[in-house]
Protein backbone atom coordinates (compact mmCIF):
# COMPACT_ATOMS: atom_id res chain seq x y z
CA UNK A 1 -0.29 -0.11 0.02
CA UNK A 2 1.23 3.59 -0.99
CA UNK A 3 1.04 6.28 1.19
CA UNK A 4 -2.72 7.46 0.68
CA UNK A 5 -3.07 11.37 1.73
CA UNK A 6 -6.44 13.69 2.84
CA UNK A 7 -7.13 17.40 3.39
CA UNK A 8 -9.78 18.94 4.08
CA UNK A 9 -10.13 22.98 4.21
CA UNK A 10 -12.30 24.38 7.29
CA UNK A 11 -13.90 27.54 6.42
CA UNK A 12 -16.46 27.93 9.06
CA UNK A 13 -17.18 26.98 12.60
CA UNK A 14 -18.93 23.32 13.21
CA UNK A 15 -22.49 23.83 14.14
CA UNK A 16 -23.50 22.38 17.84
CA UNK A 17 -25.08 19.69 16.32
CA UNK A 18 -22.58 18.72 13.60
CA UNK A 19 -19.83 18.76 17.23
CA UNK A 20 -22.22 16.20 18.44
CA UNK A 21 -22.59 13.81 16.04
CA UNK A 22 -19.10 13.96 15.26
CA UNK A 23 -18.00 13.46 18.93
CA UNK A 24 -20.50 10.06 19.36
CA UNK A 25 -18.03 8.82 16.16
CA UNK A 26 -14.88 8.45 18.16
CA UNK A 27 -13.57 6.28 20.78
CA UNK A 28 -14.44 7.20 24.51
CA UNK A 29 -11.15 8.02 25.27
CA UNK A 30 -10.75 10.33 22.43
CA UNK A 31 -13.82 11.82 23.09
CA UNK A 32 -12.92 12.55 26.45
CA UNK A 33 -9.78 13.72 25.42
CA UNK A 34 -11.55 16.63 23.37
CA UNK A 35 -13.72 17.28 25.45
CA UNK A 36 -11.15 18.47 27.54
CA UNK A 37 -10.67 21.01 25.49
CA UNK A 38 -11.74 24.17 27.29
CA UNK A 39 -12.99 26.19 24.15
CA UNK A 40 -15.03 24.63 22.11
CA UNK A 41 -13.63 26.15 19.06
CA UNK A 42 -10.65 24.58 19.84
CA UNK A 43 -12.42 21.27 19.12
CA UNK A 44 -12.70 21.66 15.42
CA UNK A 45 -9.74 20.74 13.95
CA UNK A 46 -9.10 17.89 15.98
CA UNK A 47 -12.62 16.63 15.29
CA UNK A 48 -12.45 17.30 11.91
CA UNK A 49 -8.77 15.10 11.57
CA UNK A 50 -10.69 12.08 13.32
CA UNK A 51 -13.60 12.47 11.07
CA UNK A 52 -11.21 12.16 7.75
CA UNK A 53 -9.24 9.42 9.43
CA UNK A 54 -12.31 7.61 9.78
CA UNK A 55 -13.22 8.10 6.17
CA UNK A 56 -9.77 6.77 5.16
CA UNK A 57 -10.11 3.89 7.22
CA UNK A 58 -13.71 2.83 5.79
CA UNK A 59 -12.66 3.49 2.22
CA UNK A 60 -9.48 1.64 2.47
CA UNK A 61 -10.37 -1.42 4.66
CA UNK A 62 -13.94 -0.97 5.42
CA UNK A 63 -13.90 -0.32 8.71
CA UNK A 64 -17.29 0.96 9.82
CA UNK A 65 -15.61 2.72 13.29
CA UNK A 66 -12.72 3.82 14.49
CA UNK A 67 -10.51 1.48 16.46
CA UNK A 68 -9.12 1.88 19.61
CA UNK A 69 -6.03 4.73 19.53
CA UNK A 70 -3.10 5.09 22.57
CA UNK A 71 -0.49 6.64 22.41
CA UNK A 72 3.42 6.02 22.55
CA UNK A 73 5.70 7.38 25.08
CA UNK A 74 6.42 10.19 22.96
CA UNK A 75 2.86 10.70 22.28
CA UNK A 76 2.39 9.03 18.65
CA UNK A 77 -0.68 7.87 18.22
CA UNK A 78 -1.20 4.36 16.48
CA UNK A 79 -3.86 1.28 16.74
CA UNK A 80 -2.51 -1.32 19.19
CA UNK A 81 -5.11 -4.02 17.38
CA UNK A 82 -3.75 -3.14 14.36
CA UNK A 83 -0.03 -2.88 14.26
CA UNK A 84 0.82 -2.79 10.11
CA UNK A 85 -1.75 -0.15 9.76
CA UNK A 86 -0.12 3.47 10.07
CA UNK A 87 -1.38 6.44 10.61
CA UNK A 88 -0.52 10.11 11.37
CA UNK A 89 -2.93 13.12 11.66
CA UNK A 90 -1.65 16.78 11.74
CA UNK A 91 -3.94 19.99 11.82
CA UNK A 92 -3.48 23.89 12.23
CA UNK A 93 -5.91 26.65 12.14
CA UNK A 94 -8.35 26.15 9.04
CA UNK A 95 -7.01 22.56 7.93
CA UNK A 96 -6.29 19.10 8.94
CA UNK A 97 -3.81 16.41 7.07
CA UNK A 98 -3.96 12.76 7.44
CA UNK A 99 -2.01 10.23 6.66
CA UNK A 100 -2.57 6.37 5.82
CA UNK A 101 0.37 3.68 4.87
CA UNK A 102 1.35 0.35 5.66
CA UNK A 103 4.59 1.53 6.94
CA UNK A 104 5.22 4.43 9.50
CA UNK A 105 4.52 7.59 8.49
CA UNK A 106 4.68 11.25 9.79
CA UNK A 107 2.28 14.11 8.14
CA UNK A 108 2.46 18.41 9.16
CA UNK A 109 0.40 21.00 7.88
CA UNK A 110 0.85 24.43 8.80
CA UNK A 111 -0.88 27.74 8.15
CA UNK A 112 1.95 30.53 7.19
CA UNK A 113 1.74 32.86 9.66
CA UNK A 114 3.66 35.84 10.86
CA UNK A 115 6.96 35.18 12.51
CA UNK A 116 9.70 37.37 13.85
CA UNK A 117 12.83 37.65 12.14
CA UNK A 118 14.66 36.70 15.10
CA UNK A 119 12.75 33.32 15.56
CA UNK A 120 13.68 32.29 11.74
CA UNK A 121 16.98 33.29 11.98
CA UNK A 122 17.56 31.74 15.50
CA UNK A 123 15.36 28.05 14.30
CA UNK A 124 15.45 28.05 10.52
CA UNK A 125 18.44 30.28 9.31
CA UNK A 126 15.77 31.92 6.73
CA UNK A 127 14.71 35.09 6.02
CA UNK A 128 10.68 34.62 5.07
CA UNK A 129 7.55 32.57 6.70
CA UNK A 130 7.28 30.50 4.08
CA UNK A 131 10.85 29.04 4.48
CA UNK A 132 10.39 28.75 8.04
CA UNK A 133 7.17 27.07 7.86
CA UNK A 134 8.92 24.73 5.18
CA UNK A 135 11.56 24.10 7.38
CA UNK A 136 8.98 23.09 10.62
CA UNK A 137 7.25 21.31 8.45
CA UNK A 138 10.20 18.96 7.01
CA UNK A 139 10.96 18.84 11.20
CA UNK A 140 7.62 18.11 12.33
CA UNK A 141 6.70 15.17 10.02
CA UNK A 142 9.90 13.33 9.90
CA UNK A 143 10.03 13.32 13.90
CA UNK A 144 6.23 12.28 13.49
CA UNK A 145 7.21 9.44 11.66
CA UNK A 146 9.84 8.30 13.76
CA UNK A 147 8.22 8.88 17.02
CA UNK A 148 10.87 10.71 18.61
CA UNK A 149 9.09 13.97 18.94
CA UNK A 150 9.86 17.23 17.66
CA UNK A 151 12.25 18.47 20.27
CA UNK A 152 14.94 16.51 18.56
CA UNK A 153 15.32 18.64 16.15
CA UNK A 154 14.29 21.99 17.65
CA UNK A 155 17.65 23.79 17.44
CA UNK A 156 18.70 22.09 14.09
CA UNK A 157 17.48 20.06 11.35
CA UNK A 158 19.16 16.75 10.57
CA UNK A 159 19.90 15.08 7.32
CA UNK A 160 17.88 12.54 5.88
CA UNK A 161 18.47 8.72 7.26
CA UNK A 162 19.47 6.31 4.80
CA UNK A 163 16.15 5.19 2.92
CA UNK A 164 14.53 8.35 4.74
CA UNK A 165 12.00 10.19 2.19
CA UNK A 166 10.25 13.50 2.67
CA UNK A 167 7.65 15.15 0.28
CA UNK A 168 6.41 18.35 -0.04
CA UNK A 169 2.22 18.40 -0.72
CA UNK A 170 0.05 20.78 -2.40
CA UNK A 171 -2.87 21.24 -0.25
CA UNK A 172 -4.24 25.12 -0.10
CA UNK A 173 -3.07 28.40 -0.78
CA UNK A 174 -1.28 29.64 2.38
CA UNK A 175 -0.23 26.39 3.61
CA UNK A 176 2.77 24.55 3.55
CA UNK A 177 2.20 20.72 3.95
CA UNK A 178 4.43 17.24 3.87
CA UNK A 179 4.70 13.68 4.67
CA UNK A 180 7.77 11.54 5.56
CA UNK A 181 8.30 8.20 5.01
CA UNK A 182 10.81 5.27 5.25
CA UNK A 183 11.64 3.10 2.22
CA UNK A 184 8.39 3.45 0.51
CA UNK A 185 7.96 5.36 -2.62
CA UNK A 186 6.29 8.91 -3.41
CA UNK A 187 2.92 9.42 -2.05
CA UNK A 188 -0.03 9.77 -4.25
CA UNK A 189 -2.30 12.88 -4.95
CA UNK A 190 -3.71 14.50 -1.53
CA UNK A 191 -7.36 13.79 -1.81
CA UNK A 192 -8.68 17.41 -0.70
CA UNK A 193 -12.08 18.50 0.92
CA UNK A 194 -13.93 21.71 1.98
CA UNK A 195 -16.21 21.21 5.20
CA UNK A 196 -18.88 21.13 3.54
CA UNK A 197 -18.26 18.05 1.51
CA UNK A 198 -16.34 16.42 4.12
CA UNK A 199 -19.72 16.63 6.19
CA UNK A 200 -21.49 14.77 3.46
CA UNK A 201 -19.28 11.76 2.90
């Protein structure tokens, strides 16, 4: 199985009815975790990421429900009952990205936003926000694939290891996205949805 990718652009807030319906689709532990987010509007992106994951699992495996999700010691989510099915989620203001594969995969998407020159120079030695977030997305996706946490590349990005691959992805204007894998080929196209399209699926 190649790397399959889905992205959604979230152009509006979720209604209370949509939020309640999406929460009911989650495993209990995931639902309880999201309900601990005090500001309801901040639940939109993670809720939509799990909804896209659910669609992806249906399309690839015909699974009707999300299986149990656990976190590794570094916070990487995985399916304990399905160790051969690997996934990764990312969300930023107004967009989500989901990767699904038969080998470890890491994805990241970031909304390009203002960053101080000092921060850009200190963390990435670049001079534009786009270049900064390209560097950040590459680091984030790589560490999410390996499961080591972005702190391992916070000060500087390490070179790609033998067999390790990273690809930038075409998602939405104003965003930078990428996927990291090891030993696999290039990913296929990103399946892209607007929020209303996603809710109809």
